[in-house]
C-alpha atoms as a PDB file:
ATOM      1  CA  MET A   1     -13.166   5.815 -11.022  1.00  0.00           C
ATOM      2  CA  THR A   2     -11.490   2.659 -11.508  1.00  0.00           C
ATOM      3  CA  GLU A   3      -9.172   0.501  -9.430  1.00  0.00           C
ATOM      4  CA  ARG A   4      -6.538  -2.145 -10.556  1.00  0.00           C
ATOM      5  CA  LYS A   5      -4.606  -4.219  -8.458  1.00  0.00           C
ATOM      6  CA  ILE A   6      -0.924  -3.709  -7.594  1.00  0.00           C
ATOM      7  CA  GLY A   7      -0.361  -5.694  -4.375  1.00  0.00           C
ATOM      8  CA  THR A   8      -1.504  -7.263  -0.919  1.00  0.00           C
ATOM      9  CA  VAL A   9      -0.468  -6.341   2.704  1.00  0.00           C
ATOM     10  CA  THR A  10       1.769  -8.657   4.261  1.00  0.00           C
ATOM     11  CA  HIS A  11       2.058  -7.212   7.733  1.00  0.00           C
ATOM     12  CA  TYR A  12       0.715  -4.393  10.168  1.00  0.00           C
ATOM     13  CA  TYR A  13       3.109  -2.667  12.060  1.00  0.00           C
ATOM     14  CA  ASN A  14       0.012  -1.117  14.876  1.00  0.00           C
ATOM     15  CA  ASN A  15       2.574   1.495  16.498  1.00  0.00           C
ATOM     16  CA  LEU A  16       4.060   2.799  13.407  1.00  0.00           C
ATOM     17  CA  HIS A  17       0.739   2.917  11.522  1.00  0.00           C
ATOM     18  CA  VAL A  18       2.661   0.994   8.306  1.00  0.00           C
ATOM     19  CA  ALA A  19       1.533  -1.696   6.312  1.00  0.00           C
ATOM     20  CA  GLY A  20       3.914  -3.817   4.465  1.00  0.00           C
ATOM     21  CA  VAL A  21       3.139  -4.350   1.059  1.00  0.00           C
ATOM     22  CA  ALA A  22       4.261  -6.893  -1.552  1.00  0.00           C
ATOM     23  CA  ILE A  23       3.848  -5.014  -5.376  1.00  0.00           C
ATOM     24  CA  THR A  24       2.894  -7.587  -7.593  1.00  0.00           C
ATOM     25  CA  ASP A  25       1.347  -5.587 -10.703  1.00  0.00           C
ATOM     26  CA  GLY A  26       1.950  -2.085 -12.024  1.00  0.00           C
ATOM     27  CA  GLU A  27       3.683   0.848 -10.242  1.00  0.00           C
ATOM     28  CA  LEU A  28       2.602   2.999  -7.537  1.00  0.00           C
ATOM     29  CA  HIS A  29       3.940   6.384  -7.074  1.00  0.00           C
ATOM     30  CA  SER A  30       3.947   9.068  -4.315  1.00  0.00           C
ATOM     31  CA  GLY A  31       0.707  11.004  -4.735  1.00  0.00           C
ATOM     32  CA  ASP A  32      -1.113   8.226  -6.006  1.00  0.00           C
ATOM     33  CA  THR A  33      -4.391   7.342  -4.395  1.00  0.00           C
ATOM     34  CA  ILE A  34      -5.078   3.448  -3.142  1.00  0.00           C
ATOM     35  CA  HIS A  35      -8.044   1.502  -2.179  1.00  0.00           C
ATOM     36  CA  ILE A  36      -6.977  -0.993   0.836  1.00  0.00           C
ATOM     37  CA  LYS A  37     -10.017  -3.501   1.236  1.00  0.00           C
ATOM     38  CA  GLY A  38      -9.871  -6.816   2.994  1.00  0.00           C
ATOM     39  CA  HIS A  39     -12.616  -8.709   5.084  1.00  0.00           C
ATOM     40  CA  THR A  40     -12.874  -5.509   7.815  1.00  0.00           C
ATOM     41  CA  SER A  41     -10.532  -2.986   5.996  1.00  0.00           C
ATOM     42  CA  ASP A  42     -11.819  -0.596   3.387  1.00  0.00           C
ATOM     43  CA  PHE A  43     -10.608   2.878   3.028  1.00  0.00           C
ATOM     44  CA  GLU A  44      -8.799   5.381   0.015  1.00  0.00           C
ATOM     45  CA  GLN A  45      -6.103   7.291   0.865  1.00  0.00           C
ATOM     46  CA  LYS A  46      -3.143   9.229  -1.050  1.00  0.00           C
ATOM     47  CA  VAL A  47       0.469   7.803  -0.820  1.00  0.00           C
ATOM     48  CA  GLU A  48       2.472  10.072   1.031  1.00  0.00           C
ATOM     49  CA  SER A  49       5.443   8.073   2.342  1.00  0.00           C
ATOM     50  CA  MET A  50       6.717   4.681   1.270  1.00  0.00           C
ATOM     51  CA  GLN A  51      10.011   3.137   1.860  1.00  0.00           C
ATOM     52  CA  ILE A  52      11.915   0.069   0.917  1.00  0.00           C
ATOM     53  CA  ASN A  53      14.505  -1.074   3.369  1.00  0.00           C
ATOM     54  CA  HIS A  54      13.988   2.128   5.300  1.00  0.00           C
ATOM     55  CA  ALA A  55      14.978   4.101   2.383  1.00  0.00           C
ATOM     56  CA  ALA A  56      12.339   6.721   1.040  1.00  0.00           C
ATOM     57  CA  VAL A  57      11.332   5.990  -2.553  1.00  0.00           C
ATOM     58  CA  ASP A  58       8.871   7.559  -4.806  1.00  0.00           C
ATOM     59  CA  THR A  59       8.166   4.627  -7.119  1.00  0.00           C
ATOM     60  CA  ALA A  60       7.508   0.822  -6.122  1.00  0.00           C
ATOM     61  CA  ARG A  61       7.492  -1.742  -9.166  1.00  0.00           C
ATOM     62  CA  PRO A  62       6.857  -5.512  -8.845  1.00  0.00           C
ATOM     63  CA  GLY A  63       8.823  -7.482  -6.511  1.00  0.00           C
ATOM     64  CA  ASP A  64       8.987  -4.879  -4.401  1.00  0.00           C
ATOM     65  CA  GLN A  65       8.086  -4.979  -0.602  1.00  0.00           C
ATOM     66  CA  ILE A  66       7.760  -1.662   0.743  1.00  0.00           C
ATOM     67  CA  GLY A  67       6.722   0.183   3.841  1.00  0.00           C
ATOM     68  CA  LEU A  68       3.561   2.438   3.466  1.00  0.00           C
ATOM     69  CA  THR A  69       2.362   4.623   5.840  1.00  0.00           C
ATOM     70  CA  VAL A  70      -1.543   4.081   6.135  1.00  0.00           C
ATOM     71  CA  VAL A  71      -4.453   6.443   7.536  1.00  0.00           C
ATOM     72  CA  GLU A  72      -6.387   3.461   9.183  1.00  0.00           C
ATOM     73  CA  HIS A  73      -5.641  -0.131  10.370  1.00  0.00           C
ATOM     74  CA  ALA A  74      -4.352  -2.702   7.574  1.00  0.00           C
ATOM     75  CA  ARG A  75      -4.566  -6.370   8.112  1.00  0.00           C
ATOM     76  CA  GLU A  76      -2.495  -9.129   6.085  1.00  0.00           C
ATOM     77  CA  HIS A  77      -3.751 -10.192   3.017  1.00  0.00           C
ATOM     78  CA  ASP A  78      -5.924  -7.143   2.389  1.00  0.00           C
ATOM     79  CA  THR A  79      -5.849  -5.867  -1.353  1.00  0.00           C
ATOM     80  CA  VAL A  80      -4.441  -2.778  -2.544  1.00  0.00           C
ATOM     81  CA  TYR A  81      -5.973  -1.105  -5.531  1.00  0.00           C
ATOM     82  CA  ALA A  82      -4.348   1.930  -7.202  1.00  0.00           C
ATOM     83  CA  VAL A  83      -7.477   4.346  -7.782  1.00  0.00           C
ATOM     84  CA  SER A  84      -7.411   6.234 -11.289  1.00  0.00           C
END
């Protein structure tokens, strides 16, 4: 499997299990597999729910700030990779 960086976690909403992610490279689609890795974070998951300004979206592009439901605790500055 190969990984390519697509963004960075900018915030984590603990009560919602949502990571705020700034998309910097490439596109992210619903159904894609991502890998979130940081100093103490390291997990993979499938993208099941993604929002921009509280509206559900299927695709995120560079420059987008998205909310992403995550299965584990993500931390600010964690790197988000697309797995293919």
